[in-house]
Amino acid sequence: MSGKCDVCGKTTVFGHNVSFSKRRTNRRFAPNVQRKAMTVNGVTKRVNVCTRCIRTAVKSG
């Protein structure tokens, strides 16, 4: 599974886990990317799409 959305280009970003003692350790925030069949320019293709783009596509029709 690709870690990048083919529609909006959303990718993994990095940050910190912060414990109760405020000690910081590195972590990743990965987008929820799923493989979906979508119609692009009248042609049905399977694309890697984040769930935000799936919601937007459903709303716009």
PDB file of N, CA and C in Angstrom:
ATOM      1  N   MET A   1       0.848  -1.183   0.000  1.00  0.00           N
ATOM      2  CA  MET A   1       0.000   0.000   0.000  1.00  0.00           C
ATOM      3  C   MET A   1       0.886   1.236   0.000  1.00  0.00           C
ATOM      4  N   SER A   2       0.580   2.142  -0.873  1.00  0.00           N
ATOM      5  CA  SER A   2       1.335   3.376  -0.947  1.00  0.00           C
ATOM      6  C   SER A   2       0.988   4.275   0.233  1.00  0.00           C
ATOM      7  N   GLY A   3       1.959   5.037   0.693  1.00  0.00           N
ATOM      8  CA  GLY A   3       1.728   5.966   1.796  1.00  0.00           C
ATOM      9  C   GLY A   3       1.417   7.356   1.303  1.00  0.00           C
ATOM     10  N   LYS A   4       0.988   7.473   0.047  1.00  0.00           N
ATOM     11  CA  LYS A   4       0.726   8.791  -0.536  1.00  0.00           C
ATOM     12  C   LYS A   4      -0.599   8.764  -1.283  1.00  0.00           C
ATOM     13  N   CYS A   5      -1.395   9.808  -1.109  1.00  0.00           N
ATOM     14  CA  CYS A   5      -2.672   9.936  -1.806  1.00  0.00           C
ATOM     15  C   CYS A   5      -2.416  10.428  -3.225  1.00  0.00           C
ATOM     16  N   ASP A   6      -3.005   9.744  -4.215  1.00  0.00           N
ATOM     17  CA  ASP A   6      -2.818  10.133  -5.613  1.00  0.00           C
ATOM     18  C   ASP A   6      -3.624  11.376  -5.976  1.00  0.00           C
ATOM     19  N   VAL A   7      -4.602  11.754  -5.159  1.00  0.00           N
ATOM     20  CA  VAL A   7      -5.451  12.904  -5.472  1.00  0.00           C
ATOM     21  C   VAL A   7      -4.870  14.193  -4.888  1.00  0.00           C
ATOM     22  N   CYS A   8      -4.645  14.215  -3.576  1.00  0.00           N
ATOM     23  CA  CYS A   8      -4.204  15.455  -2.925  1.00  0.00           C
ATOM     24  C   CYS A   8      -2.714  15.474  -2.604  1.00  0.00           C
ATOM     25  N   GLY A   9      -2.048  14.317  -2.686  1.00  0.00           N
ATOM     26  CA  GLY A   9      -0.612  14.270  -2.426  1.00  0.00           C
ATOM     27  C   GLY A   9      -0.245  14.176  -0.954  1.00  0.00           C
ATOM     28  N   LYS A  10      -1.227  13.892  -0.098  1.00  0.00           N
ATOM     29  CA  LYS A  10      -0.952  13.781   1.334  1.00  0.00           C
ATOM     30  C   LYS A  10       0.002  12.622   1.599  1.00  0.00           C
ATOM     31  N   THR A  11       1.050  12.878   2.416  1.00  0.00           N
ATOM     32  CA  THR A  11       2.038  11.859   2.730  1.00  0.00           C
ATOM     33  C   THR A  11       2.251  11.786   4.240  1.00  0.00           C
ATOM     34  N   THR A  12       3.164  10.917   4.645  1.00  0.00           N
ATOM     35  CA  THR A  12       3.499  10.760   6.052  1.00  0.00           C
ATOM     36  C   THR A  12       4.202  12.011   6.556  1.00  0.00           C
ATOM     37  N   VAL A  13       3.822  12.441   7.771  1.00  0.00           N
ATOM     38  CA  VAL A  13       4.507  13.539   8.444  1.00  0.00           C
ATOM     39  C   VAL A  13       5.052  13.006   9.762  1.00  0.00           C
ATOM     40  N   PHE A  14       6.011  13.717  10.332  1.00  0.00           N
ATOM     41  CA  PHE A  14       6.684  13.253  11.537  1.00  0.00           C
ATOM     42  C   PHE A  14       6.432  14.202  12.689  1.00  0.00           C
ATOM     43  N   GLY A  15       6.421  13.622  13.892  1.00  0.00           N
ATOM     44  CA  GLY A  15       6.211  14.406  15.097  1.00  0.00           C
ATOM     45  C   GLY A  15       6.790  13.669  16.289  1.00  0.00           C
ATOM     46  N   HIS A  16       6.223  13.920  17.468  1.00  0.00           N
ATOM     47  CA  HIS A  16       6.724  13.314  18.695  1.00  0.00           C
ATOM     48  C   HIS A  16       5.599  12.672  19.489  1.00  0.00           C
ATOM     49  N   ASN A  17       5.904  11.538  20.131  1.00  0.00           N
ATOM     50  CA  ASN A  17       5.096  11.063  21.240  1.00  0.00           C
ATOM     51  C   ASN A  17       5.563  11.861  22.449  1.00  0.00           C
ATOM     52  N   VAL A  18       4.635  12.342  23.265  1.00  0.00           N
ATOM     53  CA  VAL A  18       4.999  13.098  24.457  1.00  0.00           C
ATOM     54  C   VAL A  18       4.421  12.371  25.657  1.00  0.00           C
ATOM     55  N   SER A  19       5.300  11.890  26.517  1.00  0.00           N
ATOM     56  CA  SER A  19       4.859  11.147  27.689  1.00  0.00           C
ATOM     57  C   SER A  19       4.441  12.104  28.798  1.00  0.00           C
ATOM     58  N   PHE A  20       3.962  11.539  29.884  1.00  0.00           N
ATOM     59  CA  PHE A  20       3.531  12.336  31.038  1.00  0.00           C
ATOM     60  C   PHE A  20       4.679  13.169  31.587  1.00  0.00           C
ATOM     61  N   SER A  21       5.900  12.630  31.506  1.00  0.00           N
ATOM     62  CA  SER A  21       7.080  13.347  32.000  1.00  0.00           C
ATOM     63  C   SER A  21       7.624  14.327  30.957  1.00  0.00           C
ATOM     64  N   LYS A  22       6.895  14.506  29.859  1.00  0.00           N
ATOM     65  CA  LYS A  22       7.242  15.419  28.751  1.00  0.00           C
ATOM     66  C   LYS A  22       8.469  14.962  27.956  1.00  0.00           C
ATOM     67  N   ARG A  23       8.835  13.693  28.073  1.00  0.00           N
ATOM     68  CA  ARG A  23       9.932  13.160  27.269  1.00  0.00           C
ATOM     69  C   ARG A  23       9.409  12.912  25.859  1.00  0.00           C
ATOM     70  N   ARG A  24      10.157  13.352  24.844  1.00  0.00           N
ATOM     71  CA  ARG A  24       9.694  13.252  23.465  1.00  0.00           C
ATOM     72  C   ARG A  24      10.454  12.159  22.706  1.00  0.00           C
ATOM     73  N   THR A  25       9.677  11.299  22.025  1.00  0.00           N
ATOM     74  CA  THR A  25      10.262  10.293  21.152  1.00  0.00           C
ATOM     75  C   THR A  25       9.622  10.445  19.779  1.00  0.00           C
ATOM     76  N   ASN A  26      10.369  10.101  18.756  1.00  0.00           N
ATOM     77  CA  ASN A  26       9.895  10.306  17.390  1.00  0.00           C
ATOM     78  C   ASN A  26       8.766   9.347  17.031  1.00  0.00           C
ATOM     79  N   ARG A  27       7.860   9.816  16.189  1.00  0.00           N
ATOM     80  CA  ARG A  27       6.785   8.971  15.666  1.00  0.00           C
ATOM     81  C   ARG A  27       6.370   9.481  14.299  1.00  0.00           C
ATOM     82  N   ARG A  28       5.569   8.672  13.591  1.00  0.00           N
ATOM     83  CA  ARG A  28       5.075   9.040  12.257  1.00  0.00           C
ATOM     84  C   ARG A  28       3.567   9.177  12.303  1.00  0.00           C
ATOM     85  N   PHE A  29       3.043  10.102  11.529  1.00  0.00           N
ATOM     86  CA  PHE A  29       1.605  10.226  11.315  1.00  0.00           C
ATOM     87  C   PHE A  29       1.348   9.837   9.866  1.00  0.00           C
ATOM     88  N   ALA A  30       0.831   8.630   9.667  1.00  0.00           N
ATOM     89  CA  ALA A  30       0.600   8.133   8.310  1.00  0.00           C
ATOM     90  C   ALA A  30      -0.843   8.417   7.903  1.00  0.00           C
ATOM     91  N   PRO A  31      -1.081   8.840   6.657  1.00  0.00           N
ATOM     92  CA  PRO A  31      -2.452   9.069   6.198  1.00  0.00           C
ATOM     93  C   PRO A  31      -3.180   7.747   5.994  1.00  0.00           C
ATOM     94  N   ASN A  32      -4.488   7.762   6.144  1.00  0.00           N
ATOM     95  CA  ASN A  32      -5.313   6.573   5.942  1.00  0.00           C
ATOM     96  C   ASN A  32      -5.568   6.440   4.441  1.00  0.00           C
ATOM     97  N   VAL A  33      -4.662   5.741   3.756  1.00  0.00           N
ATOM     98  CA  VAL A  33      -4.715   5.597   2.300  1.00  0.00           C
ATOM     99  C   VAL A  33      -5.306   4.240   1.955  1.00  0.00           C
ATOM    100  N   GLN A  34      -6.291   4.240   1.066  1.00  0.00           N
ATOM    101  CA  GLN A  34      -6.946   3.008   0.647  1.00  0.00           C
ATOM    102  C   GLN A  34      -6.964   2.937  -0.871  1.00  0.00           C
ATOM    103  N   ARG A  35      -6.974   1.713  -1.392  1.00  0.00           N
ATOM    104  CA  ARG A  35      -7.005   1.515  -2.849  1.00  0.00           C
ATOM    105  C   ARG A  35      -8.462   1.430  -3.282  1.00  0.00           C
ATOM    106  N   LYS A  36      -8.895   2.395  -4.109  1.00  0.00           N
ATOM    107  CA  LYS A  36     -10.280   2.473  -4.538  1.00  0.00           C
ATOM    108  C   LYS A  36     -10.364   2.593  -6.051  1.00  0.00           C
ATOM    109  N   ALA A  37     -11.458   2.085  -6.596  1.00  0.00           N
ATOM    110  CA  ALA A  37     -11.729   2.264  -8.021  1.00  0.00           C
ATOM    111  C   ALA A  37     -12.506   3.558  -8.174  1.00  0.00           C
ATOM    112  N   MET A  38     -11.944   4.509  -8.904  1.00  0.00           N
ATOM    113  CA  MET A  38     -12.588   5.808  -9.110  1.00  0.00           C
ATOM    114  C   MET A  38     -12.584   6.131 -10.595  1.00  0.00           C
ATOM    115  N   THR A  39     -13.545   6.935 -11.000  1.00  0.00           N
ATOM    116  CA  THR A  39     -13.627   7.363 -12.387  1.00  0.00           C
ATOM    117  C   THR A  39     -12.820   8.646 -12.566  1.00  0.00           C
ATOM    118  N   VAL A  40     -11.799   8.581 -13.422  1.00  0.00           N
ATOM    119  CA  VAL A  40     -10.933   9.719 -13.703  1.00  0.00           C
ATOM    120  C   VAL A  40     -11.006  10.002 -15.197  1.00  0.00           C
ATOM    121  N   ASN A  41     -11.548  11.149 -15.565  1.00  0.00           N
ATOM    122  CA  ASN A  41     -11.710  11.548 -16.968  1.00  0.00           C
ATOM    123  C   ASN A  41     -12.511  10.509 -17.761  1.00  0.00           C
ATOM    124  N   GLY A  42     -13.558   9.953 -17.144  1.00  0.00           N
ATOM    125  CA  GLY A  42     -14.419   8.988 -17.811  1.00  0.00           C
ATOM    126  C   GLY A  42     -13.887   7.567 -17.849  1.00  0.00           C
ATOM    127  N   VAL A  43     -12.718   7.338 -17.271  1.00  0.00           N
ATOM    128  CA  VAL A  43     -12.106   6.012 -17.249  1.00  0.00           C
ATOM    129  C   VAL A  43     -11.999   5.547 -15.803  1.00  0.00           C
ATOM    130  N   THR A  44     -12.444   4.323 -15.523  1.00  0.00           N
ATOM    131  CA  THR A  44     -12.349   3.785 -14.178  1.00  0.00           C
ATOM    132  C   THR A  44     -10.939   3.258 -13.937  1.00  0.00           C
ATOM    133  N   LYS A  45     -10.298   3.794 -12.874  1.00  0.00           N
ATOM    134  CA  LYS A  45      -8.939   3.394 -12.528  1.00  0.00           C
ATOM    135  C   LYS A  45      -8.881   3.080 -11.044  1.00  0.00           C
ATOM    136  N   ARG A  46      -7.943   2.205 -10.655  1.00  0.00           N
ATOM    137  CA  ARG A  46      -7.712   1.954  -9.238  1.00  0.00           C
ATOM    138  C   ARG A  46      -6.618   2.908  -8.774  1.00  0.00           C
ATOM    139  N   VAL A  47      -6.946   3.707  -7.765  1.00  0.00           N
ATOM    140  CA  VAL A  47      -6.000   4.708  -7.271  1.00  0.00           C
ATOM    141  C   VAL A  47      -5.878   4.596  -5.755  1.00  0.00           C
ATOM    142  N   ASN A  48      -4.746   5.057  -5.239  1.00  0.00           N
ATOM    143  CA  ASN A  48      -4.527   5.145  -3.799  1.00  0.00           C
ATOM    144  C   ASN A  48      -5.055   6.493  -3.336  1.00  0.00           C
ATOM    145  N   VAL A  49      -6.103   6.473  -2.494  1.00  0.00           N
ATOM    146  CA  VAL A  49      -6.795   7.699  -2.110  1.00  0.00           C
ATOM    147  C   VAL A  49      -6.934   7.746  -0.593  1.00  0.00           C
ATOM    148  N   CYS A  50      -6.702   8.922  -0.001  1.00  0.00           N
ATOM    149  CA  CYS A  50      -6.909   9.067   1.436  1.00  0.00           C
ATOM    150  C   CYS A  50      -8.409   9.181   1.713  1.00  0.00           C
ATOM    151  N   THR A  51      -8.794   8.875   2.935  1.00  0.00           N
ATOM    152  CA  THR A  51     -10.217   8.844   3.284  1.00  0.00           C
ATOM    153  C   THR A  51     -10.858  10.220   3.192  1.00  0.00           C
ATOM    154  N   ARG A  52     -10.107  11.283   3.384  1.00  0.00           N
ATOM    155  CA  ARG A  52     -10.650  12.637   3.235  1.00  0.00           C
ATOM    156  C   ARG A  52     -11.070  12.874   1.789  1.00  0.00           C
ATOM    157  N   CYS A  53     -10.268  12.434   0.833  1.00  0.00           N
ATOM    158  CA  CYS A  53     -10.605  12.603  -0.585  1.00  0.00           C
ATOM    159  C   CYS A  53     -11.780  11.709  -0.977  1.00  0.00           C
ATOM    160  N   ILE A  54     -11.887  10.528  -0.352  1.00  0.00           N
ATOM    161  CA  ILE A  54     -13.032   9.653  -0.622  1.00  0.00           C
ATOM    162  C   ILE A  54     -14.308  10.336  -0.163  1.00  0.00           C
ATOM    163  N   ARG A  55     -14.285  10.936   1.027  1.00  0.00           N
ATOM    164  CA  ARG A  55     -15.458  11.654   1.549  1.00  0.00           C
ATOM    165  C   ARG A  55     -15.838  12.823   0.640  1.00  0.00           C
ATOM    166  N   THR A  56     -14.852  13.550   0.172  1.00  0.00           N
ATOM    167  CA  THR A  56     -15.099  14.702  -0.706  1.00  0.00           C
ATOM    168  C   THR A  56     -15.699  14.229  -2.036  1.00  0.00           C
ATOM    169  N   ALA A  57     -15.190  13.119  -2.570  1.00  0.00           N
ATOM    170  CA  ALA A  57     -15.702  12.582  -3.835  1.00  0.00           C
ATOM    171  C   ALA A  57     -17.152  12.127  -3.681  1.00  0.00           C
ATOM    172  N   VAL A  58     -17.500  11.536  -2.550  1.00  0.00           N
ATOM    173  CA  VAL A  58     -18.864  11.088  -2.316  1.00  0.00           C
ATOM    174  C   VAL A  58     -19.804  12.283  -2.215  1.00  0.00           C
ATOM    175  N   LYS A  59     -19.351  13.356  -1.549  1.00  0.00           N
ATOM    176  CA  LYS A  59     -20.168  14.552  -1.388  1.00  0.00           C
ATOM    177  C   LYS A  59     -20.419  15.257  -2.732  1.00  0.00           C
ATOM    178  N   SER A  60     -19.379  15.317  -3.575  1.00  0.00           N
ATOM    179  CA  SER A  60     -19.521  16.042  -4.836  1.00  0.00           C
ATOM    180  C   SER A  60     -20.227  15.213  -5.906  1.00  0.00           C
ATOM    181  N   GLY A  61     -20.311  13.910  -5.687  1.00  0.00           N
ATOM    182  CA  GLY A  61     -21.070  13.077  -6.610  1.00  0.00           C
ATOM    183  C   GLY A  61     -20.311  12.352  -7.581  1.00  0.00           C
TER     184      GLY A  61
END
